Amino acid sequence: MYFPVPLLGYAGDKHGQSKLSLFSAALFTPAYLVSAYVYSNHGSYKLLAGSFALVGTATSALYVSALVTCARMYPHSTGLAISAPVSAFGISSLWLSQVIPKLFRTNAASTDSALNVTGIFIFFAFMYLVMGVVGYIAAKLGDVDGSDVSKKSSTEGEDEPDTSEQRLSSEGNLNSHPSDHLTQRERLKVFIVSHETWLLMLAFVLTSGPLEMYLNNIGAIIDTMSTGRDLPYQRLDVILSAPSSANNVSIFSAFSTIARLSVGVFSDIVRPRLSTAMVLTIIVFTTAIAHFLLALGVFAQDAGRLFYISSMINGFSYGALFTLYPTMVACVWGVKSFGTNWGLFILGPAIGSVIYGILFGAIYQRATSGLTCAGNDCYEITFLVSGSGIVVASLVIFYLWHYSWKHNTLIQL
């Protein structure tokens, strides 16, 4: 899902984000129908894998289309505008996970029967077809489609602002930004050569990577803890309160959704008294403290009865990152090329996840005795490194805000 986003973002800025919605529908529907056929007929797993690759690309296309449309429709309330599609992206998995098992069973009269996977795939095929068309119409009705504000020059092969762009800017539908008069290719060049881009990207890698690593390895971390059965007198309250992977994943997801819903609104309310960058710095620094406490084994005491607190903090931070980082990108570099810019930034979590995932696996393997790993040694160094990296990220964000953006009146951050 991560890797197609830069190309999809650029295509959305160049040809209009509304077309990305239609593109997602054109991928979703055949991909899910093929998946239904393969599953019901025990077909090739390679064909099924290819179908899900298309599903991932289609998901990214629909996400970019919604994000760019909302950012352009409400450029003066960027935090709120971006939090809406980002929240919907997280909530969709929550409500579908509750509804789907109740609606699609091989035996509708029994809740213990197996899931009707073929029926689920067919339902998704037509649901996303409708969603793609709705997204296309919404972008057109909002009058902020990229194809309306960027026209291709027939002589030079580049994008030139036209009268409709000037009209939208004069009406206040788009933010006035120093790069607004540039062509798309020129805006991309400015974005890439800016040192601010790469510093903020570094901060994104250093913050998103540890959180992805934490989420992917919650089960492994919990397995290193005592269950309470080896404690003196085998305290029943400790045994019963021992953490479970499923519960902590749910806690992480719930607080991530809460952050997506609230942080964007909060950042708009407190701005300009407290900038978006400072809100992010505070959240990131709090996350660093949580990682240091994980390294010290604080959350593993009493058979991990307080481990849920680390899931709450990391989950909230995870949701906040995916709301505040795109908000900052839109504010600093404008909404005209927001799809392209954020598409490049979204590679940060993919890079960070790989780096910190390898780190966790290496430390865990080194501390393993036999087939199991127990105790703080399994992850102490990992969380010391991740916590230190997050501190560096918070300092980078503060540096960018204080020395580059704070006194720039053209950047409303």
Protein backbone atom coordinates (compact mmCIF):
# COMPACT_ATOMS: atom_id res chain seq x y z
CA MET A 1 0.00 0.00 0.00
CA TYR A 2 2.84 2.43 0.74
CA PHE A 3 4.90 2.20 -2.43
CA PRO A 4 2.28 3.19 -5.07
CA VAL A 5 1.35 6.36 -3.15
CA PRO A 6 4.05 8.69 -4.62
CA LEU A 7 2.97 7.87 -8.18
CA LEU A 8 -0.71 8.08 -7.27
CA GLY A 9 -0.18 11.43 -5.55
CA TYR A 10 1.63 12.85 -8.56
CA ALA A 11 -1.07 11.55 -10.91
CA GLY A 12 -3.76 13.08 -8.71
CA ASP A 13 -2.08 16.48 -8.72
CA LYS A 14 -1.49 16.36 -12.46
CA HIS A 15 -4.77 14.91 -13.73
CA GLY A 16 -7.15 15.53 -10.83
CA GLN A 17 -7.70 13.57 -7.63
CA SER A 18 -11.27 12.77 -8.71
CA LYS A 19 -9.86 10.42 -11.32
CA LEU A 20 -8.05 8.53 -8.58
CA SER A 21 -11.44 7.61 -7.12
CA LEU A 22 -12.56 6.17 -10.44
CA PHE A 23 -9.20 4.43 -10.77
CA SER A 24 -9.66 2.82 -7.35
CA ALA A 25 -13.10 1.54 -8.35
CA ALA A 26 -11.66 0.17 -11.59
CA LEU A 27 -9.14 -1.83 -9.55
CA PHE A 28 -11.26 -2.79 -6.53
CA THR A 29 -14.16 -4.36 -8.40
CA PRO A 30 -12.32 -6.80 -10.70
CA ALA A 31 -9.73 -7.57 -7.99
CA TYR A 32 -12.36 -8.62 -5.45
CA LEU A 33 -14.42 -10.49 -8.05
CA VAL A 34 -11.34 -12.43 -9.13
CA SER A 35 -10.52 -13.09 -5.46
CA ALA A 36 -14.04 -14.45 -4.94
CA TYR A 37 -13.67 -16.73 -7.95
CA VAL A 38 -10.23 -17.98 -6.92
CA TYR A 39 -11.32 -18.64 -3.34
CA SER A 40 -14.53 -20.47 -4.27
CA ASN A 41 -12.80 -22.59 -6.94
CA HIS A 42 -9.52 -23.19 -5.09
CA GLY A 43 -7.59 -21.40 -7.80
CA SER A 44 -4.00 -20.24 -8.02
CA TYR A 45 -2.60 -18.47 -4.98
CA LYS A 46 -0.48 -16.38 -7.36
CA LEU A 47 -3.63 -14.99 -8.94
CA LEU A 48 -5.02 -14.29 -5.48
CA ALA A 49 -1.79 -12.51 -4.49
CA GLY A 50 -1.97 -10.41 -7.65
CA SER A 51 -5.56 -9.48 -6.89
CA PHE A 52 -4.64 -8.32 -3.41
CA ALA A 53 -1.79 -6.26 -4.83
CA LEU A 54 -4.44 -4.46 -6.89
CA VAL A 55 -6.60 -4.09 -3.76
CA GLY A 56 -3.68 -2.43 -1.96
CA THR A 57 -3.09 -0.05 -4.85
CA ALA A 58 -6.79 0.77 -5.05
CA THR A 59 -6.91 1.45 -1.30
CA SER A 60 -4.02 3.88 -1.63
CA ALA A 61 -5.70 5.62 -4.58
CA LEU A 62 -8.95 6.12 -2.67
CA TYR A 63 -7.02 7.33 0.40
CA VAL A 64 -5.01 9.88 -1.60
CA SER A 65 -8.11 11.11 -3.41
CA ALA A 66 -10.00 11.71 -0.16
CA LEU A 67 -7.03 13.29 1.60
CA VAL A 68 -6.20 15.72 -1.22
CA THR A 69 -9.84 16.66 -1.80
CA CYS A 70 -10.43 17.51 1.87
CA ALA A 71 -7.15 19.44 2.17
CA ARG A 72 -8.06 21.57 -0.87
CA MET A 73 -11.66 22.15 0.16
CA TYR A 74 -10.74 23.51 3.61
CA PRO A 75 -7.20 24.94 3.35
CA HIS A 76 -7.68 27.26 6.34
CA SER A 77 -8.64 24.34 8.63
CA THR A 78 -6.08 21.85 7.41
CA GLY A 79 -5.93 19.83 10.62
CA LEU A 80 -9.67 19.27 10.72
CA ALA A 81 -9.87 18.65 6.97
CA ILE A 82 -7.14 16.02 7.00
CA SER A 83 -8.34 14.33 10.18
CA ALA A 84 -11.67 13.45 8.52
CA PRO A 85 -10.39 11.03 5.83
CA VAL A 86 -7.57 9.81 8.08
CA SER A 87 -10.11 8.97 10.80
CA ALA A 88 -12.42 7.30 8.30
CA PHE A 89 -9.50 5.21 7.09
CA GLY A 90 -9.03 3.85 10.61
CA ILE A 91 -12.69 3.57 11.57
CA SER A 92 -13.59 1.59 8.44
CA SER A 93 -11.65 -1.46 9.61
CA LEU A 94 -13.26 -1.25 13.06
CA TRP A 95 -16.88 -1.20 11.94
CA LEU A 96 -16.35 -3.67 9.11
CA SER A 97 -14.72 -6.13 11.51
CA GLN A 98 -17.91 -5.99 13.59
CA VAL A 99 -20.47 -6.00 10.78
CA ILE A 100 -18.97 -8.51 8.33
CA PRO A 101 -18.95 -11.52 10.72
CA LYS A 102 -22.62 -10.95 11.48
CA LEU A 103 -23.80 -10.57 7.88
CA PHE A 104 -21.73 -13.13 6.02
CA ARG A 105 -21.91 -16.66 7.41
CA THR A 106 -22.17 -19.95 5.56
CA ASN A 107 -25.19 -20.62 7.77
CA ALA A 108 -27.03 -17.37 8.44
CA ALA A 109 -28.92 -18.89 11.37
CA SER A 110 -25.77 -19.83 13.26
CA THR A 111 -23.16 -17.45 14.64
CA ASP A 112 -20.73 -20.36 14.98
CA SER A 113 -20.66 -21.16 11.27
CA ALA A 114 -17.72 -20.26 9.06
CA LEU A 115 -17.41 -16.91 7.30
CA ASN A 116 -18.75 -16.73 3.76
CA VAL A 117 -15.51 -15.38 2.28
CA THR A 118 -16.77 -15.48 -1.30
CA GLY A 119 -19.79 -13.39 -0.33
CA ILE A 120 -17.56 -10.91 1.50
CA PHE A 121 -15.37 -10.43 -1.57
CA ILE A 122 -18.40 -9.89 -3.82
CA PHE A 123 -19.84 -7.39 -1.33
CA PHE A 124 -16.55 -5.46 -1.27
CA ALA A 125 -16.40 -5.45 -5.08
CA PHE A 126 -19.68 -3.58 -5.40
CA MET A 127 -19.31 -1.48 -2.25
CA TYR A 128 -16.01 -0.03 -3.46
CA LEU A 129 -17.46 0.53 -6.92
CA VAL A 130 -20.07 2.77 -5.32
CA MET A 131 -17.47 4.46 -3.09
CA GLY A 132 -15.23 5.21 -6.06
CA VAL A 133 -18.06 6.89 -7.94
CA VAL A 134 -19.12 8.83 -4.83
CA GLY A 135 -15.54 10.02 -4.32
CA TYR A 136 -15.36 11.20 -7.93
CA ILE A 137 -18.61 13.15 -7.61
CA ALA A 138 -17.55 14.67 -4.26
CA ALA A 139 -14.27 15.96 -5.70
CA LYS A 140 -16.10 17.49 -8.65
CA LEU A 141 -18.80 19.09 -6.51
CA GLY A 142 -16.13 20.56 -4.21
CA ASP A 143 -14.73 22.44 -7.24
CA VAL A 144 -11.17 21.72 -6.13
CA ASP A 145 -10.24 18.91 -8.48
CA GLY A 146 -6.58 19.15 -9.50
CA SER A 147 -7.51 18.88 -13.17
CA ASP A 148 -9.41 22.15 -12.81
CA VAL A 149 -6.45 24.08 -11.44
CA SER A 150 -3.60 22.62 -13.50
CA LYS A 151 -3.61 22.50 -17.27
CA LYS A 152 -0.96 20.99 -19.42
CA SER A 153 0.93 23.35 -21.71
CA SER A 154 0.77 22.25 -25.31
CA THR A 155 4.08 23.92 -26.11
CA GLU A 156 6.37 23.03 -23.21
CA GLY A 157 4.67 19.92 -21.82
CA GLU A 158 4.39 21.45 -18.32
CA ASP A 159 1.53 22.54 -16.13
CA GLU A 160 0.51 26.18 -16.12
CA PRO A 161 -1.90 27.92 -13.76
CA ASP A 162 -5.02 29.01 -15.57
CA THR A 163 -7.84 31.44 -14.89
CA SER A 164 -9.82 28.91 -12.88
CA GLU A 165 -6.88 28.59 -10.47
CA GLN A 166 -6.74 32.35 -10.02
CA ARG A 167 -10.49 32.43 -9.46
CA LEU A 168 -10.32 29.76 -6.78
CA SER A 169 -7.47 31.55 -5.03
CA SER A 170 -9.30 34.87 -5.08
CA GLU A 171 -12.38 33.26 -3.58
CA GLY A 172 -10.30 31.81 -0.74
CA ASN A 173 -10.89 28.18 -1.65
CA LEU A 174 -7.15 27.61 -1.83
CA ASN A 175 -4.45 28.93 0.46
CA SER A 176 -2.23 31.66 -0.89
CA HIS A 177 1.19 30.03 -0.94
CA PRO A 178 4.54 31.17 -2.39
CA SER A 179 4.61 28.16 -4.73
CA ASP A 180 1.10 28.66 -6.11
CA HIS A 181 2.32 30.45 -9.23
CA LEU A 182 4.76 27.65 -10.12
CA THR A 183 4.06 24.73 -12.41
CA GLN A 184 3.70 21.29 -10.88
CA ARG A 185 7.17 20.26 -12.02
CA GLU A 186 8.70 23.39 -10.52
CA ARG A 187 6.89 22.84 -7.23
CA LEU A 188 8.21 19.27 -7.13
CA LYS A 189 11.76 20.52 -7.69
CA VAL A 190 11.43 23.07 -4.87
CA PHE A 191 10.10 20.35 -2.58
CA ILE A 192 12.86 17.86 -3.36
CA VAL A 193 15.83 20.25 -3.06
CA SER A 194 14.61 21.76 0.23
CA HIS A 195 16.59 20.61 3.27
CA GLU A 196 13.39 20.99 5.29
CA THR A 197 11.82 18.17 3.29
CA TRP A 198 14.51 15.67 4.21
CA LEU A 199 14.76 16.74 7.83
CA LEU A 200 11.01 16.31 8.28
CA MET A 201 11.19 13.00 6.42
CA LEU A 202 13.93 11.87 8.82
CA ALA A 203 11.71 12.80 11.77
CA PHE A 204 8.83 10.85 10.22
CA VAL A 205 11.00 7.74 9.79
CA LEU A 206 12.30 8.01 13.37
CA THR A 207 8.79 8.31 14.81
CA SER A 208 6.66 6.06 12.60
CA GLY A 209 9.21 3.22 12.43
CA PRO A 210 9.22 2.47 16.20
CA LEU A 211 5.42 2.60 16.34
CA GLU A 212 5.08 0.21 13.40
CA MET A 213 7.63 -2.06 15.09
CA TYR A 214 5.72 -1.94 18.38
CA LEU A 215 2.41 -2.80 16.72
CA ASN A 216 3.88 -5.65 14.67
CA ASN A 217 5.60 -7.20 17.70
CA ILE A 218 3.11 -6.72 20.53
CA GLY A 219 2.64 -10.47 20.80
CA ALA A 220 6.37 -11.17 20.94
CA ILE A 221 6.88 -8.51 23.61
CA ILE A 222 4.06 -9.88 25.77
CA ASP A 223 5.40 -13.43 25.43
CA THR A 224 8.63 -12.33 27.13
CA MET A 225 6.77 -11.36 30.30
CA SER A 226 6.01 -13.50 33.29
CA THR A 227 2.43 -14.77 33.37
CA GLY A 228 2.34 -14.38 37.13
CA ARG A 229 2.33 -18.14 37.72
CA ASP A 230 5.99 -18.09 38.72
CA LEU A 231 5.54 -15.30 41.26
CA PRO A 232 5.48 -16.00 45.03
CA TYR A 233 2.10 -17.34 46.15
CA GLN A 234 0.86 -17.14 42.52
CA ARG A 235 -1.25 -14.01 43.02
CA LEU A 236 -4.56 -14.60 41.25
CA ASP A 237 -5.16 -10.91 40.52
CA VAL A 238 -1.84 -10.69 38.68
CA ILE A 239 -2.52 -13.85 36.69
CA LEU A 240 -5.95 -12.60 35.62
CA SER A 241 -4.64 -9.14 34.69
CA ALA A 242 -1.80 -10.43 32.49
CA PRO A 243 -1.87 -8.73 29.07
CA SER A 244 -3.07 -10.41 25.90
CA SER A 245 -2.00 -9.63 22.35
CA ALA A 246 -5.56 -9.26 21.08
CA ASN A 247 -6.58 -6.81 23.80
CA ASN A 248 -3.49 -4.65 23.35
CA VAL A 249 -3.88 -4.52 19.58
CA SER A 250 -7.47 -3.38 20.16
CA ILE A 251 -6.30 -0.76 22.68
CA PHE A 252 -3.65 0.46 20.23
CA SER A 253 -6.22 0.72 17.42
CA ALA A 254 -8.82 2.42 19.62
CA PHE A 255 -6.44 5.14 20.81
CA SER A 256 -5.09 5.58 17.31
CA THR A 257 -8.64 6.27 16.12
CA ILE A 258 -9.25 8.65 19.04
CA ALA A 259 -6.12 10.59 18.07
CA ARG A 260 -7.13 10.76 14.41
CA LEU A 261 -10.53 12.14 15.41
CA SER A 262 -9.33 14.66 17.99
CA VAL A 263 -5.78 15.82 17.30
CA GLY A 264 -6.52 17.55 13.99
CA VAL A 265 -9.42 19.48 15.51
CA PHE A 266 -7.34 20.35 18.58
CA SER A 267 -4.41 21.62 16.48
CA ASP A 268 -6.74 23.94 14.56
CA ILE A 269 -8.33 25.27 17.76
CA VAL A 270 -5.06 26.09 19.55
CA ARG A 271 -3.34 27.55 16.47
CA PRO A 272 -1.68 30.08 16.35
CA ARG A 273 -1.20 30.12 20.14
CA LEU A 274 0.36 26.66 19.87
CA SER A 275 1.60 25.61 16.45
CA THR A 276 0.91 22.24 14.87
CA ALA A 277 4.64 21.54 14.99
CA MET A 278 4.73 22.09 18.75
CA VAL A 279 1.67 19.87 19.29
CA LEU A 280 3.46 17.14 17.37
CA THR A 281 6.70 17.72 19.30
CA ILE A 282 4.92 17.28 22.64
CA ILE A 283 3.21 14.07 21.51
CA VAL A 284 6.42 12.66 20.05
CA PHE A 285 8.46 13.46 23.17
CA THR A 286 5.83 11.75 25.35
CA THR A 287 6.15 8.68 23.13
CA ALA A 288 9.91 8.69 23.64
CA ILE A 289 9.38 8.57 27.41
CA ALA A 290 7.08 5.56 26.96
CA HIS A 291 9.77 3.75 24.95
CA PHE A 292 12.39 4.42 27.60
CA LEU A 293 10.01 3.03 30.23
CA LEU A 294 9.52 -0.04 28.04
CA ALA A 295 13.29 -0.46 27.87
CA LEU A 296 13.51 -0.25 31.67
CA GLY A 297 10.83 -2.92 32.02
CA VAL A 298 8.40 -0.66 33.89
CA PHE A 299 5.40 -1.90 31.91
CA ALA A 300 6.47 -5.54 32.36
CA GLN A 301 6.29 -5.46 36.17
CA ASP A 302 3.64 -7.57 37.91
CA ALA A 303 3.30 -9.79 34.85
CA GLY A 304 2.68 -6.81 32.60
CA ARG A 305 -0.49 -5.60 34.29
CA LEU A 306 0.40 -2.01 33.23
CA PHE A 307 1.42 -2.92 29.69
CA TYR A 308 -1.86 -1.55 28.32
CA ILE A 309 -0.62 1.97 29.15
CA SER A 310 2.19 1.60 26.62
CA SER A 311 -0.36 0.48 24.02
CA MET A 312 -2.49 3.53 24.77
CA ILE A 313 0.43 5.95 24.38
CA ASN A 314 1.84 4.31 21.25
CA GLY A 315 -1.59 3.98 19.67
CA PHE A 316 -2.46 7.62 20.32
CA SER A 317 0.89 8.75 18.96
CA TYR A 318 0.46 6.58 15.86
CA GLY A 319 -2.88 8.18 15.03
CA ALA A 320 -1.54 11.66 15.76
CA LEU A 321 1.42 11.19 13.40
CA PHE A 322 -0.81 10.36 10.45
CA THR A 323 -2.91 13.44 11.15
CA LEU A 324 -0.30 16.07 12.02
CA TYR A 325 2.45 15.16 9.55
CA PRO A 326 0.21 15.58 6.47
CA THR A 327 -1.17 18.76 8.04
CA MET A 328 2.35 20.17 8.30
CA VAL A 329 3.19 19.11 4.74
CA ALA A 330 0.09 20.90 3.44
CA CYS A 331 0.82 24.05 5.46
CA VAL A 332 4.51 24.29 4.59
CA TRP A 333 4.47 23.31 0.91
CA GLY A 334 0.88 24.17 -0.01
CA VAL A 335 -2.08 22.10 -1.19
CA LYS A 336 -1.50 22.45 -4.94
CA SER A 337 1.02 19.57 -4.91
CA PHE A 338 -0.10 17.99 -1.65
CA GLY A 339 -0.74 14.60 -3.25
CA THR A 340 2.80 14.42 -4.63
CA ASN A 341 4.45 15.73 -1.48
CA TRP A 342 2.58 13.55 0.98
CA GLY A 343 2.96 10.60 -1.38
CA LEU A 344 6.73 10.86 -0.98
CA PHE A 345 6.46 11.29 2.79
CA ILE A 346 4.31 8.18 3.18
CA LEU A 347 7.36 6.10 2.29
CA GLY A 348 8.70 7.04 5.73
CA PRO A 349 6.68 4.43 7.68
CA ALA A 350 7.66 1.73 5.18
CA ILE A 351 11.35 2.54 5.59
CA GLY A 352 11.11 2.91 9.36
CA SER A 353 9.15 -0.31 9.75
CA VAL A 354 11.84 -2.29 7.95
CA ILE A 355 14.72 -0.72 9.89
CA TYR A 356 13.19 -1.08 13.35
CA GLY A 357 11.65 -4.46 12.54
CA ILE A 358 15.10 -5.82 11.67
CA LEU A 359 16.52 -4.25 14.85
CA PHE A 360 13.84 -5.84 17.03
CA GLY A 361 14.32 -9.24 15.41
CA ALA A 362 18.10 -9.14 15.79
CA ILE A 363 18.02 -8.16 19.48
CA TYR A 364 15.23 -10.64 20.22
CA GLN A 365 17.11 -13.47 18.51
CA ARG A 366 20.34 -12.67 20.32
CA ALA A 367 18.59 -12.84 23.70
CA THR A 368 16.74 -16.05 22.89
CA SER A 369 17.65 -19.11 24.91
CA GLY A 370 16.52 -22.27 23.19
CA LEU A 371 13.21 -21.56 21.51
CA THR A 372 11.98 -18.85 23.86
CA CYS A 373 13.00 -15.38 24.93
CA ALA A 374 12.14 -14.15 28.39
CA GLY A 375 12.84 -10.98 30.28
CA ASN A 376 13.87 -7.43 29.61
CA ASP A 377 16.95 -8.37 27.58
CA CYS A 378 14.71 -9.34 24.66
CA TYR A 379 13.87 -5.74 23.82
CA GLU A 380 15.77 -3.39 26.16
CA ILE A 381 18.31 -2.22 23.55
CA THR A 382 15.60 -1.97 20.89
CA PHE A 383 13.50 0.47 22.88
CA LEU A 384 16.53 2.44 24.04
CA VAL A 385 17.41 2.95 20.37
CA SER A 386 13.84 3.72 19.34
CA GLY A 387 13.35 6.11 22.26
CA SER A 388 16.57 7.92 21.42
CA GLY A 389 15.53 8.16 17.78
CA ILE A 390 12.17 9.62 18.76
CA VAL A 391 13.92 12.23 20.92
CA VAL A 392 16.05 13.17 17.91
CA ALA A 393 12.87 13.44 15.83
CA SER A 394 11.26 15.78 18.38
CA LEU A 395 14.37 17.98 18.32
CA VAL A 396 14.34 18.04 14.51
CA ILE A 397 10.68 19.11 14.44
CA PHE A 398 11.34 21.81 17.03
CA TYR A 399 14.36 23.03 15.05
CA LEU A 400 12.36 23.25 11.81
CA TRP A 401 9.56 25.15 13.52
CA HIS A 402 11.77 27.56 15.47
CA TYR A 403 14.36 28.35 12.80
CA SER A 404 12.46 27.88 9.53
CA TRP A 405 8.70 28.21 9.97
CA LYS A 406 7.95 30.23 13.11
CA HIS A 407 8.83 33.62 11.63
CA ASN A 408 7.61 32.87 8.10
CA THR A 409 4.31 34.76 7.80
CA LEU A 410 3.44 32.86 4.61
CA ILE A 411 3.34 29.55 6.49
CA GLN A 412 0.32 29.27 8.80
CA LEU A 413 1.57 26.50 11.04
